[in-house]
Amino acid sequence: MKNSLIKYSLGAAALLMMSSNLMAQTPTVAPKAYPAGEVGKMVKLGEDIMMHTDTHPLTKDMVGNKLQCISCHIRGSDGKPGTAHGISTFIGTATAFPAYSKREKSVQTLQDRINNCFMRSMNGKRPIVDTKASVAMATYVTWLSEGMPMKMNPKMPCSPMNSDRWMHGAKHFAKIQKKATHANYVNGKKLYEAKCAMCHGRDGAGKGTFPPLWGQKNGKWLAYNTGAGMSKLNKGAAWVQSNMPKYQGGTLKDQAAADIMLYVDAQPHADFDLRKGLFPESKMGYYNSKVLKEKHTVRSNFKQFGLDIDTIRGDHKIK
């Protein structure tokens, strides 16, 4: 009996080691061949929605700005959304679900995670779970994890390729942003105009295929609202350092990334009210969250880091 237990323990340890090695050896590229039949069609549909979220017939009515999923989940060298190697890659994401979300205080499915993004980053309405659009997007993201070992995440709904650097980056930049001053805002503006405005516009309204970052046009908000991850001074800085400037991710120094996002997030963004992002329960069905009330503004997001938006900006233009 004792020998059997020893053999079992050694076998379990070997399996764990093999799993870790497999994760380390898994190529960080998208599969080259689409699945056959209806599954392949659904993957292609999900990919198309990710590329054209604000104009696609299945999702355009649920988007309240001028962004697409690829605005944050950047295309890799293969041209597919979410295959770039910086923070926010889709590769490996499906292996982490179901996963616990501290924000929703519940175990979330992949569809939950994707759909909730519409309320925040897309400043719109949450798609209904199991509708064609919802299934298609989840199918595409799942396809990008093909061949990778599953390991559900008990701490956060995040790809294993992102979780450590996302958590580290958020904690690291939180310490930096809590010390921010008006001088950092001024420096952020200077850096933005030198490194970002060429693509995103001096007014943050975007240019061509490059996404807007703040502001309104004809009364419609252009970018993410104050409930989005990018609106949080620490998370936004971590994302920017990992992904920007385009094709030069990882080149910005810590303080530069922090100052740029201090400036960007201090510009006008839509307020976030969770209840406004949900369809009526009779239509939506069950909303998988224990948090049913949540509101954010630019002012409250800065206050979260002990900062006064008026002092940081040097004016009183933010309500």
Protein backbone atom coordinates (compact mmCIF):
# COMPACT_ATOMS: atom_id res chain seq x y z
CA MET A 1 0.00 0.00 0.00
CA LYS A 2 2.81 2.38 0.96
CA ASN A 3 4.68 1.66 -2.27
CA SER A 4 1.50 2.26 -4.26
CA LEU A 5 1.02 5.66 -2.62
CA ILE A 6 4.63 6.60 -3.36
CA LYS A 7 4.22 5.60 -7.01
CA TYR A 8 0.95 7.56 -7.19
CA SER A 9 2.55 10.68 -5.70
CA LEU A 10 5.50 10.45 -8.07
CA GLY A 11 3.14 9.98 -10.99
CA ALA A 12 1.05 13.00 -10.00
CA ALA A 13 4.18 15.13 -9.64
CA ALA A 14 5.35 14.00 -13.07
CA LEU A 15 1.99 14.96 -14.60
CA LEU A 16 2.14 18.40 -13.01
CA MET A 17 5.65 18.89 -14.35
CA MET A 18 4.57 17.75 -17.79
CA SER A 19 1.64 20.19 -17.69
CA SER A 20 3.94 23.07 -16.72
CA ASN A 21 6.41 22.15 -19.44
CA LEU A 22 3.61 21.88 -21.98
CA MET A 23 2.39 25.37 -21.10
CA ALA A 24 5.92 26.70 -21.45
CA GLN A 25 6.41 24.97 -24.81
CA THR A 26 3.03 25.85 -26.30
CA PRO A 27 3.52 28.12 -29.32
CA THR A 28 2.09 31.60 -28.82
CA VAL A 29 0.55 31.78 -32.27
CA ALA A 30 -2.95 31.21 -33.57
CA PRO A 31 -3.85 27.91 -35.27
CA LYS A 32 -3.43 28.13 -39.04
CA ALA A 33 -6.41 26.00 -40.06
CA TYR A 34 -10.01 26.74 -39.18
CA PRO A 35 -12.11 23.87 -37.82
CA ALA A 36 -14.31 22.06 -40.31
CA GLY A 37 -18.06 22.51 -40.76
CA GLU A 38 -20.32 24.66 -38.60
CA VAL A 39 -17.69 25.13 -35.89
CA GLY A 40 -15.32 26.65 -38.44
CA LYS A 41 -18.08 28.96 -39.68
CA MET A 42 -18.71 30.10 -36.11
CA VAL A 43 -14.99 30.77 -35.55
CA LYS A 44 -14.89 32.90 -38.71
CA LEU A 45 -18.03 34.77 -37.63
CA GLY A 46 -16.52 35.50 -34.22
CA GLU A 47 -13.33 36.74 -35.86
CA ASP A 48 -15.32 39.04 -38.13
CA ILE A 49 -17.25 40.47 -35.17
CA MET A 50 -13.99 41.11 -33.31
CA MET A 51 -12.71 43.06 -36.33
CA HIS A 52 -15.86 45.12 -36.97
CA THR A 53 -17.68 45.18 -33.63
CA ASP A 54 -19.18 48.66 -33.95
CA THR A 55 -20.49 48.07 -37.48
CA HIS A 56 -21.24 44.33 -37.58
CA PRO A 57 -25.00 43.65 -37.94
CA LEU A 58 -25.01 41.31 -34.92
CA THR A 59 -23.30 43.72 -32.50
CA LYS A 60 -23.52 47.31 -33.77
CA ASP A 61 -26.64 48.06 -31.71
CA MET A 62 -24.83 47.02 -28.53
CA VAL A 63 -21.80 49.28 -29.07
CA GLY A 64 -21.94 52.86 -27.81
CA ASN A 65 -18.67 54.21 -29.19
CA LYS A 66 -16.29 53.90 -32.17
CA LEU A 67 -14.22 50.96 -30.92
CA GLN A 68 -13.86 47.34 -31.99
CA CYS A 69 -12.50 44.39 -30.02
CA ILE A 70 -9.22 44.78 -31.93
CA SER A 71 -8.83 48.26 -30.44
CA CYS A 72 -7.53 46.58 -27.27
CA HIS A 73 -6.97 42.99 -28.40
CA ILE A 74 -4.44 43.86 -31.05
CA ARG A 75 -3.86 41.93 -34.24
CA GLY A 76 -0.70 39.88 -34.45
CA SER A 77 1.54 39.37 -37.47
CA ASP A 78 -1.10 36.97 -38.84
CA GLY A 79 -3.64 39.81 -38.90
CA LYS A 80 -6.02 38.10 -36.50
CA PRO A 81 -7.55 39.95 -33.55
CA GLY A 82 -6.01 39.18 -30.17
CA THR A 83 -2.91 37.36 -31.41
CA ALA A 84 -0.31 40.04 -30.62
CA HIS A 85 1.91 38.98 -27.72
CA GLY A 86 1.35 41.92 -25.39
CA ILE A 87 -1.07 42.11 -22.48
CA SER A 88 -4.61 41.41 -23.76
CA THR A 89 -3.69 38.57 -26.12
CA PHE A 90 -6.55 36.13 -26.61
CA ILE A 91 -4.19 33.18 -26.97
CA GLY A 92 -4.63 30.86 -23.98
CA THR A 93 -7.60 32.79 -22.60
CA ALA A 94 -10.14 29.99 -22.95
CA THR A 95 -7.97 27.64 -20.88
CA ALA A 96 -8.60 29.75 -17.77
CA PHE A 97 -12.40 29.49 -17.79
CA PRO A 98 -14.60 29.12 -15.86
CA ALA A 99 -12.71 31.59 -13.64
CA TYR A 100 -13.44 33.65 -10.54
CA SER A 101 -13.93 37.39 -11.02
CA LYS A 102 -13.39 39.70 -8.08
CA ARG A 103 -15.29 42.43 -9.88
CA GLU A 104 -18.46 40.34 -10.32
CA LYS A 105 -17.79 38.26 -7.21
CA SER A 106 -18.80 35.15 -9.11
CA VAL A 107 -17.39 32.38 -11.28
CA GLN A 108 -17.55 33.65 -14.85
CA THR A 109 -17.79 31.80 -18.14
CA LEU A 110 -15.90 32.94 -21.23
CA GLN A 111 -19.14 34.30 -22.67
CA ASP A 112 -19.72 36.31 -19.48
CA ARG A 113 -16.26 37.81 -19.70
CA ILE A 114 -16.60 38.83 -23.34
CA ASN A 115 -20.15 40.15 -22.99
CA ASN A 116 -19.32 42.26 -19.94
CA CYS A 117 -16.70 44.09 -21.99
CA PHE A 118 -19.48 45.57 -24.12
CA MET A 119 -20.77 47.52 -21.11
CA ARG A 120 -17.35 48.98 -20.36
CA SER A 121 -14.81 49.15 -23.14
CA MET A 122 -17.53 49.38 -25.79
CA ASN A 123 -19.66 51.77 -23.69
CA GLY A 124 -22.75 49.85 -24.72
CA LYS A 125 -25.13 47.06 -23.81
CA ARG A 126 -24.22 43.57 -22.63
CA PRO A 127 -25.03 40.95 -25.32
CA ILE A 128 -27.31 38.14 -24.22
CA VAL A 129 -25.51 34.89 -23.40
CA ASP A 130 -25.99 32.12 -25.99
CA THR A 131 -27.09 34.48 -28.76
CA LYS A 132 -25.28 33.94 -32.06
CA ALA A 133 -22.89 36.86 -31.54
CA SER A 134 -22.03 35.77 -28.00
CA VAL A 135 -21.37 32.16 -29.01
CA ALA A 136 -19.38 33.22 -32.08
CA MET A 137 -17.00 35.47 -30.15
CA ALA A 138 -16.44 32.81 -27.49
CA THR A 139 -15.85 30.20 -30.20
CA TYR A 140 -13.19 32.36 -31.84
CA VAL A 141 -11.36 32.98 -28.55
CA THR A 142 -11.58 29.27 -27.69
CA TRP A 143 -10.08 28.34 -31.06
CA LEU A 144 -7.03 30.48 -30.26
CA SER A 145 -6.37 28.23 -27.23
CA GLU A 146 -6.50 24.99 -29.21
CA GLY A 147 -3.89 22.50 -28.00
CA MET A 148 -3.12 24.36 -24.76
CA PRO A 149 -3.64 22.67 -21.38
CA MET A 150 -6.59 23.76 -19.27
CA LYS A 151 -6.02 25.38 -15.91
CA MET A 152 -9.02 27.21 -14.50
CA ASN A 153 -8.09 30.45 -12.76
CA PRO A 154 -9.40 30.75 -9.17
CA LYS A 155 -8.19 34.36 -8.84
CA MET A 156 -8.98 36.27 -12.02
CA PRO A 157 -10.63 35.75 -15.44
CA CYS A 158 -7.46 36.11 -17.44
CA SER A 159 -5.27 34.17 -19.85
CA PRO A 160 -2.39 32.31 -18.15
CA MET A 161 -0.14 34.21 -20.55
CA ASN A 162 -1.36 37.48 -19.06
CA SER A 163 -2.32 36.88 -15.44
CA ASP A 164 1.09 37.28 -13.78
CA ARG A 165 2.22 40.29 -15.79
CA TRP A 166 -1.24 41.86 -15.55
CA MET A 167 -1.34 41.53 -11.75
CA HIS A 168 2.28 42.65 -11.38
CA GLY A 169 1.77 45.58 -13.73
CA ALA A 170 -1.41 46.76 -11.98
CA LYS A 171 0.24 46.68 -8.54
CA HIS A 172 3.44 48.29 -9.80
CA PHE A 173 1.72 51.17 -11.57
CA ALA A 174 -0.72 51.74 -8.71
CA LYS A 175 2.26 52.74 -6.55
CA ILE A 176 3.50 55.12 -9.24
CA GLN A 177 0.12 56.73 -9.96
CA LYS A 178 -0.62 57.41 -6.30
CA LYS A 179 2.31 59.86 -6.37
CA ALA A 180 1.13 61.65 -9.52
CA THR A 181 1.15 65.46 -9.68
CA HIS A 182 0.19 68.16 -12.18
CA ALA A 183 3.76 67.97 -13.50
CA ASN A 184 3.17 64.32 -14.46
CA TYR A 185 0.01 65.35 -16.30
CA VAL A 186 1.93 68.01 -18.23
CA ASN A 187 4.65 65.50 -19.06
CA GLY A 188 1.99 62.98 -20.11
CA LYS A 189 0.53 65.51 -22.54
CA LYS A 190 3.98 66.19 -23.98
CA LEU A 191 4.70 62.46 -24.40
CA TYR A 192 1.25 61.82 -25.87
CA GLU A 193 1.72 64.51 -28.49
CA ALA A 194 5.17 63.16 -29.37
CA LYS A 195 4.42 59.42 -29.37
CA CYS A 196 0.66 58.90 -29.67
CA ALA A 197 -1.02 61.80 -31.44
CA MET A 198 0.23 60.77 -34.89
CA CYS A 199 -2.10 57.74 -34.73
CA HIS A 200 -4.76 58.69 -32.19
CA GLY A 201 -5.02 62.41 -32.92
CA ARG A 202 -4.10 65.39 -30.74
CA ASP A 203 -7.76 65.55 -29.71
CA GLY A 204 -7.91 61.80 -28.94
CA ALA A 205 -10.53 61.23 -31.64
CA GLY A 206 -8.47 58.64 -33.53
CA LYS A 207 -7.28 58.61 -37.13
CA GLY A 208 -8.28 56.17 -39.85
CA THR A 209 -8.13 52.65 -38.41
CA PHE A 210 -6.43 53.86 -35.22
CA PRO A 211 -8.97 53.98 -32.37
CA PRO A 212 -10.13 57.05 -30.45
CA LEU A 213 -9.09 57.40 -26.81
CA TRP A 214 -11.49 60.01 -25.41
CA GLY A 215 -14.06 62.66 -26.22
CA GLN A 216 -17.30 63.01 -28.17
CA LYS A 217 -18.37 63.67 -31.73
CA ASN A 218 -21.90 64.77 -32.61
CA GLY A 219 -22.95 63.97 -29.06
CA LYS A 220 -21.68 60.38 -29.20
CA TRP A 221 -18.86 59.13 -27.01
CA LEU A 222 -15.90 57.85 -29.01
CA ALA A 223 -13.95 55.65 -26.60
CA TYR A 224 -14.16 53.47 -23.50
CA ASN A 225 -16.12 54.60 -20.46
CA THR A 226 -14.98 54.92 -16.85
CA GLY A 227 -15.86 51.31 -16.01
CA ALA A 228 -13.31 49.90 -18.49
CA GLY A 229 -9.95 48.49 -17.48
CA MET A 230 -8.21 51.12 -19.62
CA SER A 231 -9.84 53.86 -17.55
CA LYS A 232 -8.01 52.67 -14.44
CA LEU A 233 -4.72 54.56 -14.13
CA ASN A 234 -2.70 51.49 -13.16
CA LYS A 235 -4.19 48.96 -15.58
CA GLY A 236 -4.15 51.39 -18.48
CA ALA A 237 -0.47 52.13 -17.90
CA ALA A 238 0.39 48.43 -17.78
CA TRP A 239 -1.44 47.85 -21.07
CA VAL A 240 0.21 50.81 -22.77
CA GLN A 241 3.70 49.78 -21.69
CA SER A 242 3.09 46.26 -23.00
CA ASN A 243 1.57 47.22 -26.36
CA MET A 244 2.51 50.76 -27.36
CA PRO A 245 3.76 52.45 -29.46
CA LYS A 246 2.57 50.06 -32.16
CA TYR A 247 5.18 47.37 -32.87
CA GLN A 248 7.32 48.87 -30.09
CA GLY A 249 5.65 47.38 -27.02
CA GLY A 250 7.90 47.23 -23.96
CA THR A 251 9.97 50.27 -24.92
CA LEU A 252 8.25 52.87 -22.70
CA LYS A 253 9.81 53.51 -19.30
CA ASP A 254 7.53 53.07 -16.27
CA GLN A 255 7.06 56.78 -15.58
CA ALA A 256 6.43 57.56 -19.25
CA ALA A 257 3.68 54.93 -19.50
CA ALA A 258 2.16 56.15 -16.23
CA ASP A 259 2.20 59.81 -17.30
CA ILE A 260 0.68 59.10 -20.72
CA MET A 261 -2.26 57.25 -19.18
CA LEU A 262 -2.61 59.88 -16.46
CA TYR A 263 -3.13 62.40 -19.27
CA VAL A 264 -5.40 60.18 -21.41
CA ASP A 265 -7.62 59.07 -18.52
CA ALA A 266 -7.93 62.65 -17.27
CA GLN A 267 -9.75 63.58 -20.49
CA PRO A 268 -13.56 63.38 -20.84
CA HIS A 269 -14.95 59.83 -20.83
CA ALA A 270 -18.52 58.60 -20.39
CA ASP A 271 -19.62 57.81 -16.85
CA PHE A 272 -20.25 54.14 -16.12
CA ASP A 273 -23.50 52.89 -14.60
CA LEU A 274 -23.81 49.11 -14.55
CA ARG A 275 -27.60 49.11 -14.65
CA LYS A 276 -27.61 51.10 -17.92
CA GLY A 277 -25.43 48.46 -19.57
CA LEU A 278 -27.91 45.64 -18.93
CA PHE A 279 -30.99 44.82 -20.96
CA PRO A 280 -34.22 44.41 -18.93
CA GLU A 281 -34.15 41.12 -17.03
CA SER A 282 -37.18 39.87 -18.95
CA LYS A 283 -35.12 40.05 -22.15
CA MET A 284 -31.62 39.43 -20.82
CA GLY A 285 -32.31 36.52 -18.51
CA TYR A 286 -29.95 35.84 -15.64
CA TYR A 287 -27.00 38.20 -15.15
CA ASN A 288 -24.18 36.16 -13.65
CA SER A 289 -22.93 38.58 -11.00
CA LYS A 290 -23.39 39.25 -7.31
CA VAL A 291 -22.62 42.93 -7.91
CA LEU A 292 -25.72 44.65 -9.26
CA LYS A 293 -24.83 48.28 -8.62
CA GLU A 294 -21.62 49.92 -9.80
CA LYS A 295 -20.85 53.48 -10.91
CA HIS A 296 -17.65 55.27 -11.96
CA THR A 297 -16.66 58.69 -13.26
CA VAL A 298 -13.33 60.21 -14.28
CA ARG A 299 -13.32 61.99 -10.92
CA SER A 300 -14.01 58.82 -8.89
CA ASN A 301 -11.37 56.86 -10.83
CA PHE A 302 -8.73 59.41 -9.83
CA LYS A 303 -10.01 59.53 -6.28
CA GLN A 304 -9.40 55.77 -6.09
CA PHE A 305 -5.68 56.57 -6.18
CA GLY A 306 -5.96 59.48 -3.75
CA LEU A 307 -5.83 62.04 -6.58
CA ASP A 308 -7.97 65.10 -7.20
CA ILE A 309 -8.70 65.46 -10.92
CA ASP A 310 -8.79 69.28 -10.74
CA THR A 311 -5.35 69.42 -9.12
CA ILE A 312 -3.92 66.94 -11.61
CA ARG A 313 -5.30 68.79 -14.65
CA GLY A 314 -4.84 72.28 -13.25
CA ASP A 315 -8.41 73.30 -14.15
CA HIS A 316 -12.05 72.47 -13.40
CA LYS A 317 -13.21 71.08 -16.74
CA ILE A 318 -14.12 67.57 -15.56
CA LYS A 319 -17.56 67.32 -13.96
